[in-house]
Amino acid sequence: MKIGVIMGGVSSERDISLRSGEEVLKNLNIEKYKEVIPIVINSKSEVVEKVKGIDFAFIALHGKFGEDGTIQGLLEALGIPYSGCGVLASAVCMNKALTKRIIQSVGVNTAPWITVKSVDEINYDKIREFDYPVFIKPNNGGSSVATFFVKNEGDVEPAVREGLKYDNEVIIEKYIKGEEIFSFVLNGEVFPTVAIRLKNSEFFDYSSKYDVDGAEERAVILEEDLQREVNRISKEIWNVLGCRSYCRIDIIVSNGIPYVLEVNTLPGMTSSSLIPKSSKARGIEFSELLDKIIEYSLH
């Protein structure tokens, strides 16, 4: 097959997408495929022309027009198979509040939240029920762009205003103190859990995720009952959201109880990303992981 690695894009996560795409290009087994080419997207209108002639699209986009089902729908219309989840699962998981409503309906714990579309909609009484601090971030965002850890009421409105610059809806979420872990699911199989130890920040923010020394990430084996529960809810989420190929589930464990924060259908694939670490703990190197993602996406 001739594989095109689609990267760049038009979202606030463009730089991370370019880094993910370069890492995918570096690790794809060029001896296994007819040709592997980079496809850097700078505008939506150029996609149709740039993907002509490829047999498979490896999507390394993040954010809007990458993870929200838009480019997936375009590729389906063009008859080009692609990596990752389909149109519907991509669109649903991009919307944090909608994802939380769905997983909550099947008994999965998630942090309490509200959403606002303007500063006039801010419900301070409800936020006080959550108690401070709270997280404020774009409802359809990622990579912790415009994510704020708000500790007092005076900082709520500025954080909401900033979030609305990136999205037309902002989510305000109760802060749950605990250990942040990540569950990687590949073709319905739950891979080793990855835990985070932060170094210089209060939460897993942009610099923690992407700076070389931002955080220590390692595959772990949780206490038996907790690991069983994490694996169970990971499979439950995979099924109820209709995921395919692969996804990453972000979880906070507080007092032994896992709370799901969000689901990423196109998680980062940089050298510091979590998915390759989980895969390696299973004995699967990055190149083989990419092969498996392509294989499962095709079938």
Protein backbone atom coordinates (compact mmCIF):
# COMPACT_ATOMS: atom_id res chain seq x y z
CA MET A 1 0.00 0.00 0.00
CA LYS A 2 0.89 3.63 -0.49
CA ILE A 3 0.40 5.22 2.93
CA GLY A 4 -0.08 8.93 3.50
CA VAL A 5 0.60 10.25 6.99
CA ILE A 6 -1.78 13.18 7.45
CA MET A 7 -0.50 15.80 9.88
CA GLY A 8 -0.54 19.49 10.64
CA GLY A 9 -4.11 20.64 10.30
CA VAL A 10 -5.92 23.80 11.30
CA SER A 11 -6.48 23.33 15.04
CA SER A 12 -4.69 24.75 18.07
CA GLU A 13 -2.89 21.39 18.31
CA ARG A 14 -1.15 21.73 14.94
CA ASP A 15 2.39 21.70 16.38
CA ILE A 16 1.75 18.48 18.32
CA SER A 17 0.22 16.94 15.20
CA LEU A 18 3.35 17.71 13.21
CA ARG A 19 5.46 16.06 15.91
CA SER A 20 3.17 13.01 15.95
CA GLY A 21 3.31 12.76 12.17
CA GLU A 22 7.11 12.95 12.07
CA GLU A 23 7.34 10.19 14.68
CA VAL A 24 4.94 7.98 12.70
CA LEU A 25 6.93 8.58 9.50
CA LYS A 26 10.15 7.73 11.30
CA ASN A 27 8.81 4.45 12.68
CA LEU A 28 6.68 3.07 9.85
CA ASN A 29 8.36 0.05 8.29
CA ILE A 30 9.21 1.41 4.83
CA GLU A 31 10.17 -2.09 3.66
CA LYS A 32 6.64 -3.34 4.32
CA TYR A 33 4.75 -0.71 2.34
CA LYS A 34 4.95 0.40 -1.25
CA GLU A 35 5.48 4.02 -0.27
CA VAL A 36 5.10 6.20 2.82
CA ILE A 37 4.61 9.93 2.28
CA PRO A 38 3.95 12.94 4.53
CA ILE A 39 0.77 14.88 3.85
CA VAL A 40 0.94 18.21 5.66
CA ILE A 41 -2.45 19.92 5.83
CA ASN A 42 -2.53 23.71 5.96
CA SER A 43 -6.17 24.25 5.03
CA LYS A 44 -9.30 22.11 4.77
CA SER A 45 -9.73 22.83 1.07
CA GLU A 46 -6.46 21.16 0.05
CA VAL A 47 -7.17 17.74 1.57
CA VAL A 48 -8.94 16.20 -1.43
CA GLU A 49 -6.07 17.04 -3.76
CA LYS A 50 -3.31 15.98 -1.38
CA VAL A 51 -4.75 12.53 -0.57
CA LYS A 52 -5.17 11.53 -4.21
CA GLY A 53 -3.40 8.28 -5.03
CA ILE A 54 -2.91 6.97 -1.48
CA ASP A 55 -4.26 3.58 -0.44
CA PHE A 56 -4.43 4.30 3.29
CA ALA A 57 -4.44 7.45 5.44
CA PHE A 58 -2.64 7.30 8.76
CA ILE A 59 -4.23 10.21 10.61
CA ALA A 60 -1.80 12.02 12.90
CA LEU A 61 -4.05 15.07 13.27
CA HIS A 62 -5.26 16.32 16.64
CA GLY A 63 -8.13 18.62 17.58
CA LYS A 64 -10.78 20.02 15.26
CA PHE A 65 -10.85 18.66 11.71
CA GLY A 66 -8.70 15.79 12.96
CA GLU A 67 -10.39 14.05 15.86
CA ASP A 68 -13.95 15.32 15.46
CA GLY A 69 -15.10 13.04 12.63
CA THR A 70 -14.75 15.68 9.91
CA ILE A 71 -11.73 14.34 8.05
CA GLN A 72 -12.89 10.79 8.74
CA GLY A 73 -16.13 11.55 6.90
CA LEU A 74 -14.23 13.17 4.04
CA LEU A 75 -11.94 10.15 3.66
CA GLU A 76 -14.93 7.81 3.71
CA ALA A 77 -16.57 9.86 0.95
CA LEU A 78 -13.37 9.50 -1.07
CA GLY A 79 -13.20 5.76 -0.41
CA ILE A 80 -9.85 5.96 1.39
CA PRO A 81 -9.45 3.76 4.50
CA TYR A 82 -7.92 5.48 7.50
CA SER A 83 -6.53 4.81 10.97
CA GLY A 84 -8.45 5.15 14.20
CA CYS A 85 -12.09 5.44 15.13
CA GLY A 86 -14.91 6.07 12.69
CA VAL A 87 -16.94 9.23 12.12
CA LEU A 88 -19.48 8.83 14.93
CA ALA A 89 -17.10 7.71 17.70
CA SER A 90 -14.64 10.44 16.73
CA ALA A 91 -17.33 13.14 16.88
CA VAL A 92 -18.74 11.92 20.20
CA CYS A 93 -15.40 11.53 21.97
CA MET A 94 -14.26 14.98 20.82
CA ASN A 95 -17.13 16.43 22.86
CA LYS A 96 -16.07 15.94 26.49
CA ALA A 97 -19.48 16.64 28.02
CA LEU A 98 -21.31 14.30 25.63
CA THR A 99 -18.76 11.56 26.30
CA LYS A 100 -19.26 11.98 30.05
CA ARG A 101 -23.05 11.75 29.70
CA ILE A 102 -22.81 8.52 27.71
CA ILE A 103 -20.29 6.74 29.93
CA GLN A 104 -22.16 7.87 33.03
CA SER A 105 -25.30 6.23 31.62
CA VAL A 106 -23.57 2.82 31.79
CA GLY A 107 -22.37 3.31 35.36
CA VAL A 108 -18.85 4.63 34.75
CA ASN A 109 -17.71 7.26 37.26
CA THR A 110 -16.74 10.68 35.95
CA ALA A 111 -16.08 14.04 37.60
CA PRO A 112 -19.18 16.29 37.97
CA TRP A 113 -19.29 19.10 35.39
CA ILE A 114 -21.25 21.89 33.76
CA THR A 115 -20.83 23.56 30.37
CA VAL A 116 -21.26 27.21 29.36
CA LYS A 117 -21.37 28.95 25.99
CA SER A 118 -20.87 32.46 27.34
CA VAL A 119 -19.73 34.14 30.55
CA ASP A 120 -23.37 35.01 31.23
CA GLU A 121 -24.13 31.29 31.64
CA ILE A 122 -21.58 30.75 34.43
CA ASN A 123 -23.38 29.16 37.37
CA TYR A 124 -21.30 30.17 40.38
CA ASP A 125 -23.64 28.41 42.82
CA LYS A 126 -23.05 25.11 41.04
CA ILE A 127 -19.30 25.67 40.96
CA ARG A 128 -19.34 26.30 44.70
CA GLU A 129 -21.02 22.92 45.11
CA PHE A 130 -18.02 21.40 43.31
CA ASP A 131 -15.72 23.43 45.59
CA TYR A 132 -12.49 24.94 44.32
CA PRO A 133 -10.23 24.21 42.55
CA VAL A 134 -11.95 23.34 39.28
CA PHE A 135 -10.73 22.69 35.74
CA ILE A 136 -11.92 24.99 32.98
CA LYS A 137 -11.17 24.05 29.36
CA PRO A 138 -12.63 24.00 25.84
CA ASN A 139 -15.27 21.28 25.58
CA ASN A 140 -13.92 20.21 22.18
CA GLY A 141 -10.22 20.73 22.82
CA GLY A 142 -7.17 18.65 23.60
CA SER A 143 -3.48 18.59 24.52
CA SER A 144 -4.38 20.77 27.56
CA VAL A 145 -4.51 23.85 25.31
CA ALA A 146 -6.39 26.66 27.16
CA THR A 147 -6.86 24.38 30.18
CA PHE A 148 -6.93 26.21 33.51
CA PHE A 149 -6.64 24.95 37.07
CA VAL A 150 -8.81 27.55 38.78
CA LYS A 151 -8.49 27.94 42.54
CA ASN A 152 -10.81 30.84 43.28
CA GLU A 153 -14.01 32.43 42.01
CA GLY A 154 -12.29 35.55 40.68
CA ASP A 155 -10.38 33.52 38.08
CA VAL A 156 -13.43 31.70 36.66
CA GLU A 157 -14.61 34.34 34.20
CA PRO A 158 -11.14 35.05 32.69
CA ALA A 159 -10.57 31.30 32.22
CA VAL A 160 -13.98 30.90 30.56
CA ARG A 161 -13.29 33.85 28.26
CA GLU A 162 -9.97 32.36 27.22
CA GLY A 163 -11.49 28.94 26.63
CA LEU A 164 -14.19 30.44 24.43
CA LYS A 165 -11.47 31.76 22.12
CA TYR A 166 -10.77 28.12 21.18
CA ASP A 167 -14.27 26.66 21.21
CA ASN A 168 -17.89 27.78 21.37
CA GLU A 169 -18.44 25.82 24.58
CA VAL A 170 -16.38 25.51 27.77
CA ILE A 171 -16.55 22.72 30.33
CA ILE A 172 -16.13 23.45 34.05
CA GLU A 173 -15.24 20.27 35.90
CA LYS A 174 -14.81 19.38 39.56
CA TYR A 175 -11.19 18.69 40.49
CA ILE A 176 -10.71 15.17 41.80
CA LYS A 177 -7.44 14.71 43.61
CA GLY A 178 -5.72 11.43 42.90
CA GLU A 179 -3.32 9.55 40.67
CA GLU A 180 -3.64 10.14 36.93
CA ILE A 181 -3.46 6.98 34.83
CA PHE A 182 -4.09 6.14 31.19
CA SER A 183 -5.62 3.05 29.68
CA PHE A 184 -4.69 2.15 26.10
CA VAL A 185 -7.13 -0.05 24.17
CA LEU A 186 -6.04 -1.63 20.89
CA ASN A 187 -8.66 -3.50 18.87
CA GLY A 188 -10.71 -4.05 22.03
CA GLU A 189 -7.76 -5.36 24.08
CA VAL A 190 -6.71 -3.37 27.14
CA PHE A 191 -2.94 -2.84 27.23
CA PRO A 192 -0.77 -2.11 30.30
CA THR A 193 -1.84 0.92 32.33
CA VAL A 194 0.47 3.94 32.27
CA ALA A 195 0.82 6.12 35.39
CA ILE A 196 2.04 9.69 35.57
CA ARG A 197 4.34 11.32 38.13
CA LEU A 198 4.35 15.08 37.62
CA LYS A 199 7.58 17.00 38.10
CA ASN A 200 6.96 20.73 37.85
CA SER A 201 3.19 21.27 37.60
CA GLU A 202 -0.03 20.71 39.52
CA PHE A 203 -1.74 18.79 36.73
CA PHE A 204 -0.88 17.07 33.45
CA ASP A 205 -0.67 20.29 31.43
CA TYR A 206 0.83 21.04 28.01
CA SER A 207 4.44 21.24 29.20
CA SER A 208 4.08 18.07 31.30
CA LYS A 209 2.79 16.22 28.25
CA TYR A 210 5.28 17.38 25.67
CA ASP A 211 8.46 18.66 27.32
CA VAL A 212 11.19 16.05 27.53
CA ASP A 213 11.37 16.23 31.34
CA GLY A 214 7.80 17.35 31.95
CA ALA A 215 6.65 14.17 33.70
CA GLU A 216 7.67 10.61 34.42
CA GLU A 217 5.41 8.12 32.65
CA ARG A 218 5.70 4.40 33.23
CA ALA A 219 3.66 1.27 32.73
CA VAL A 220 2.36 -0.06 36.04
CA ILE A 221 0.44 -2.99 37.44
CA LEU A 222 -2.24 -1.68 39.78
CA GLU A 223 -3.59 -3.44 42.84
CA GLU A 224 -5.51 -6.47 41.58
CA ASP A 225 -9.10 -5.28 42.18
CA LEU A 226 -8.35 -1.79 40.87
CA GLN A 227 -6.63 -3.14 37.76
CA ARG A 228 -9.60 -5.40 37.10
CA GLU A 229 -11.96 -2.42 37.41
CA VAL A 230 -9.84 -0.21 35.13
CA ASN A 231 -9.78 -2.95 32.52
CA ARG A 232 -13.53 -3.48 32.87
CA ILE A 233 -14.48 0.15 32.41
CA SER A 234 -12.00 0.49 29.53
CA LYS A 235 -13.79 -2.30 27.65
CA GLU A 236 -17.19 -0.85 28.61
CA ILE A 237 -16.20 2.54 27.20
CA TRP A 238 -14.74 0.97 24.04
CA ASN A 239 -18.04 -0.78 23.39
CA VAL A 240 -20.54 1.91 24.37
CA LEU A 241 -18.77 4.61 22.36
CA GLY A 242 -18.29 2.36 19.33
CA CYS A 243 -14.52 2.76 19.15
CA ARG A 244 -12.37 0.90 16.65
CA SER A 245 -8.66 0.34 16.04
CA TYR A 246 -7.38 2.18 19.14
CA CYS A 247 -8.07 4.82 21.77
CA ARG A 248 -6.70 6.18 25.03
CA ILE A 249 -8.81 6.63 28.15
CA ASP A 250 -7.71 9.21 30.74
CA ILE A 251 -8.55 8.33 34.34
CA ILE A 252 -8.06 9.74 37.84
CA VAL A 253 -7.92 7.22 40.71
CA SER A 254 -9.10 8.75 43.97
CA ASN A 255 -9.38 6.65 47.13
CA GLY A 256 -9.24 3.50 45.03
CA ILE A 257 -12.08 4.61 42.72
CA PRO A 258 -11.40 5.32 39.01
CA TYR A 259 -13.03 8.40 37.48
CA VAL A 260 -12.87 8.70 33.68
CA LEU A 261 -11.93 12.18 32.47
CA GLU A 262 -12.07 11.81 28.68
CA VAL A 263 -11.47 9.50 25.73
CA ASN A 264 -8.92 10.27 23.00
CA THR A 265 -9.53 8.67 19.61
CA LEU A 266 -6.28 10.01 18.09
CA PRO A 267 -3.88 10.23 21.03
CA GLY A 268 -0.44 11.74 20.61
CA MET A 269 2.23 9.72 18.86
CA THR A 270 5.30 11.78 19.74
CA SER A 271 8.45 10.35 21.30
CA SER A 272 7.10 11.31 24.73
CA SER A 273 3.56 10.02 24.19
CA LEU A 274 1.84 7.46 26.40
CA ILE A 275 0.63 4.93 23.82
CA PRO A 276 4.10 3.74 22.75
CA LYS A 277 5.06 3.28 26.42
CA SER A 278 2.04 1.06 27.07
CA SER A 279 2.71 -0.90 23.89
CA LYS A 280 6.37 -1.40 24.75
CA ALA A 281 5.40 -2.79 28.15
CA ARG A 282 3.49 -5.47 26.24
CA GLY A 283 6.63 -6.21 24.19
CA ILE A 284 5.44 -4.40 21.07
CA GLU A 285 7.81 -1.79 19.66
CA PHE A 286 6.51 1.38 18.00
CA SER A 287 6.95 0.13 14.44
CA GLU A 288 4.97 -3.04 15.12
CA LEU A 289 2.30 -1.02 16.93
CA LEU A 290 1.82 1.14 13.83
CA ASP A 291 1.49 -2.00 11.71
CA LYS A 292 -1.20 -3.30 14.04
CA ILE A 293 -3.11 -0.01 13.99
CA ILE A 294 -3.14 -0.12 10.19
CA GLU A 295 -4.18 -3.79 10.16
CA TYR A 296 -7.02 -3.31 12.65
CA SER A 297 -8.21 -0.13 10.94
CA LEU A 298 -8.48 -1.99 7.64
CA HIS A 299 -10.45 -4.86 9.16
